[in-house]
Amino acid sequence: RVETIDGFSAHADRGEILAWLRNFKRPPRHTWVVHGEPPAAAALAAALRDELRWEADVATDGESVKL
């Protein structure tokens, strides 16, 4: 017998991520999106810039960032 349980996920969707980030008292200096397919990652970075006015980019494979 196979049972399906809908609604459980370890991943938040775009709306849930943005809702969580809106609770930050101040934004980070820069946000790097490091997960997801390239079009989805680019869309999330754009939403961070457009909706939250944060500096945000999608990390590229092999890229190094000085923190």
N, C-alpha and C. Protein backbone atom coordinates (compact mmCIF):
# COMPACT_ATOMS: atom_id res chain seq x y z
N ARG A 1 0.84 -1.17 0.00
CA ARG A 1 0.00 0.00 0.00
C ARG A 1 0.90 1.24 0.00
N VAL A 2 0.56 2.21 -0.86
CA VAL A 2 1.31 3.45 -0.96
C VAL A 2 0.42 4.60 -0.52
N GLU A 3 0.92 5.40 0.40
CA GLU A 3 0.20 6.59 0.86
C GLU A 3 0.95 7.83 0.39
N THR A 4 0.22 8.83 -0.02
CA THR A 4 0.81 10.09 -0.45
C THR A 4 0.44 11.17 0.56
N ILE A 5 1.46 11.88 1.02
CA ILE A 5 1.21 12.99 1.94
C ILE A 5 1.65 14.26 1.23
N ASP A 6 0.70 15.08 0.85
CA ASP A 6 1.00 16.34 0.18
C ASP A 6 1.32 17.42 1.21
N GLY A 7 2.12 18.38 0.80
CA GLY A 7 2.34 19.55 1.64
C GLY A 7 3.60 19.53 2.46
N PHE A 8 4.37 18.45 2.43
CA PHE A 8 5.61 18.42 3.18
C PHE A 8 6.78 18.64 2.24
N SER A 9 7.59 19.62 2.56
CA SER A 9 8.75 19.91 1.74
C SER A 9 9.82 20.56 2.60
N ALA A 10 11.06 20.26 2.31
CA ALA A 10 12.16 20.90 3.01
C ALA A 10 12.52 22.22 2.34
N HIS A 11 11.88 22.52 1.24
CA HIS A 11 12.20 23.73 0.49
C HIS A 11 11.03 24.71 0.51
N ALA A 12 11.37 25.96 0.70
CA ALA A 12 10.36 27.02 0.63
C ALA A 12 10.23 27.47 -0.82
N ASP A 13 9.05 27.96 -1.16
CA ASP A 13 8.90 28.52 -2.50
C ASP A 13 9.28 30.00 -2.47
N ARG A 14 9.25 30.63 -3.62
CA ARG A 14 9.66 32.04 -3.75
C ARG A 14 8.93 32.94 -2.76
N GLY A 15 7.62 32.79 -2.68
CA GLY A 15 6.82 33.62 -1.79
C GLY A 15 7.18 33.42 -0.32
N GLU A 16 7.42 32.18 0.06
CA GLU A 16 7.79 31.89 1.44
C GLU A 16 9.17 32.45 1.77
N ILE A 17 10.09 32.36 0.82
CA ILE A 17 11.43 32.91 1.04
C ILE A 17 11.35 34.42 1.21
N LEU A 18 10.62 35.10 0.32
CA LEU A 18 10.49 36.55 0.40
C LEU A 18 9.79 36.97 1.69
N ALA A 19 8.78 36.24 2.11
CA ALA A 19 8.08 36.56 3.36
C ALA A 19 9.03 36.45 4.55
N TRP A 20 9.86 35.42 4.55
CA TRP A 20 10.83 35.24 5.64
C TRP A 20 11.86 36.37 5.63
N LEU A 21 12.36 36.71 4.44
CA LEU A 21 13.38 37.75 4.34
C LEU A 21 12.85 39.13 4.71
N ARG A 22 11.58 39.38 4.48
CA ARG A 22 10.97 40.68 4.83
C ARG A 22 11.03 40.94 6.34
N ASN A 23 11.21 39.90 7.14
CA ASN A 23 11.30 40.05 8.59
C ASN A 23 12.68 40.47 9.08
N PHE A 24 13.65 40.51 8.20
CA PHE A 24 14.99 40.93 8.61
C PHE A 24 14.93 42.40 9.04
N LYS A 25 15.59 42.73 10.13
CA LYS A 25 15.63 44.12 10.59
C LYS A 25 16.43 45.00 9.64
N ARG A 26 17.48 44.43 9.05
CA ARG A 26 18.25 45.14 8.03
C ARG A 26 18.77 44.10 7.04
N PRO A 27 18.90 44.48 5.79
CA PRO A 27 19.34 43.50 4.78
C PRO A 27 20.83 43.21 4.92
N PRO A 28 21.25 42.05 4.45
CA PRO A 28 22.69 41.79 4.37
C PRO A 28 23.32 42.72 3.34
N ARG A 29 24.63 42.88 3.41
CA ARG A 29 25.29 43.75 2.43
C ARG A 29 25.09 43.24 1.01
N HIS A 30 25.09 41.93 0.85
CA HIS A 30 24.87 41.33 -0.47
C HIS A 30 24.31 39.93 -0.25
N THR A 31 23.42 39.54 -1.13
CA THR A 31 22.82 38.21 -1.06
C THR A 31 23.16 37.45 -2.33
N TRP A 32 23.62 36.22 -2.16
CA TRP A 32 23.96 35.34 -3.29
C TRP A 32 22.97 34.19 -3.31
N VAL A 33 22.28 34.03 -4.42
CA VAL A 33 21.39 32.89 -4.62
C VAL A 33 22.26 31.75 -5.13
N VAL A 34 22.24 30.64 -4.40
CA VAL A 34 23.17 29.54 -4.72
C VAL A 34 22.46 28.22 -5.01
N HIS A 35 21.14 28.24 -5.11
CA HIS A 35 20.42 26.99 -5.29
C HIS A 35 19.31 27.19 -6.33
N GLY A 36 19.04 26.16 -7.07
CA GLY A 36 17.94 26.19 -8.03
C GLY A 36 18.43 26.20 -9.47
N GLU A 37 17.51 25.90 -10.36
CA GLU A 37 17.82 25.96 -11.79
C GLU A 37 18.11 27.41 -12.16
N PRO A 38 18.98 27.65 -13.15
CA PRO A 38 19.37 29.03 -13.48
C PRO A 38 18.21 30.02 -13.68
N PRO A 39 17.15 29.67 -14.41
CA PRO A 39 16.07 30.66 -14.57
C PRO A 39 15.37 30.99 -13.23
N ALA A 40 15.17 29.98 -12.39
CA ALA A 40 14.51 30.21 -11.10
C ALA A 40 15.42 31.01 -10.17
N ALA A 41 16.71 30.70 -10.17
CA ALA A 41 17.65 31.44 -9.33
C ALA A 41 17.72 32.90 -9.76
N ALA A 42 17.74 33.14 -11.06
CA ALA A 42 17.78 34.51 -11.58
C ALA A 42 16.50 35.26 -11.21
N ALA A 43 15.36 34.58 -11.26
CA ALA A 43 14.09 35.21 -10.90
C ALA A 43 14.06 35.57 -9.42
N LEU A 44 14.61 34.70 -8.56
CA LEU A 44 14.64 35.01 -7.14
C LEU A 44 15.57 36.19 -6.86
N ALA A 45 16.73 36.21 -7.48
CA ALA A 45 17.65 37.34 -7.31
C ALA A 45 16.99 38.64 -7.77
N ALA A 46 16.27 38.59 -8.88
CA ALA A 46 15.57 39.78 -9.38
C ALA A 46 14.50 40.23 -8.40
N ALA A 47 13.78 39.29 -7.80
CA ALA A 47 12.76 39.64 -6.81
C ALA A 47 13.38 40.28 -5.59
N LEU A 48 14.54 39.78 -5.18
CA LEU A 48 15.24 40.39 -4.03
C LEU A 48 15.61 41.83 -4.34
N ARG A 49 16.07 42.06 -5.56
CA ARG A 49 16.44 43.43 -5.96
C ARG A 49 15.21 44.32 -6.11
N ASP A 50 14.20 43.82 -6.82
CA ASP A 50 13.02 44.63 -7.15
C ASP A 50 12.07 44.84 -5.98
N GLU A 51 11.77 43.77 -5.25
CA GLU A 51 10.77 43.86 -4.19
C GLU A 51 11.35 44.30 -2.85
N LEU A 52 12.56 43.84 -2.55
CA LEU A 52 13.16 44.17 -1.24
C LEU A 52 14.23 45.25 -1.34
N ARG A 53 14.63 45.57 -2.57
CA ARG A 53 15.69 46.57 -2.81
C ARG A 53 17.03 46.14 -2.20
N TRP A 54 17.27 44.83 -2.23
CA TRP A 54 18.53 44.26 -1.74
C TRP A 54 19.50 44.11 -2.90
N GLU A 55 20.79 44.15 -2.59
CA GLU A 55 21.80 43.78 -3.58
C GLU A 55 21.81 42.26 -3.63
N ALA A 56 21.57 41.72 -4.80
CA ALA A 56 21.47 40.26 -4.93
C ALA A 56 21.91 39.82 -6.31
N ASP A 57 22.58 38.68 -6.35
CA ASP A 57 23.04 38.08 -7.60
C ASP A 57 22.98 36.57 -7.47
N VAL A 58 23.06 35.92 -8.61
CA VAL A 58 23.16 34.46 -8.65
C VAL A 58 24.65 34.12 -8.73
N ALA A 59 25.08 33.25 -7.85
CA ALA A 59 26.47 32.80 -7.87
C ALA A 59 26.71 31.95 -9.11
N THR A 60 27.88 32.09 -9.68
CA THR A 60 28.25 31.25 -10.83
C THR A 60 29.14 30.12 -10.36
N ASP A 61 29.11 29.02 -11.07
CA ASP A 61 29.89 27.85 -10.71
C ASP A 61 31.37 28.20 -10.61
N GLY A 62 31.97 27.87 -9.49
CA GLY A 62 33.40 28.11 -9.30
C GLY A 62 33.74 29.51 -8.84
N GLU A 63 32.75 30.36 -8.70
CA GLU A 63 32.99 31.75 -8.29
C GLU A 63 33.43 31.81 -6.82
N SER A 64 34.36 32.69 -6.54
CA SER A 64 34.79 32.94 -5.16
C SER A 64 34.36 34.36 -4.79
N VAL A 65 33.93 34.49 -3.54
CA VAL A 65 33.50 35.79 -3.03
C VAL A 65 34.20 36.03 -1.71
N LYS A 66 34.81 37.18 -1.58
CA LYS A 66 35.47 37.53 -0.33
C LYS A 66 34.41 38.08 0.62
N LEU A 67 34.29 37.45 1.78
CA LEU A 67 33.28 37.87 2.76
C LEU A 67 33.92 38.70 3.86
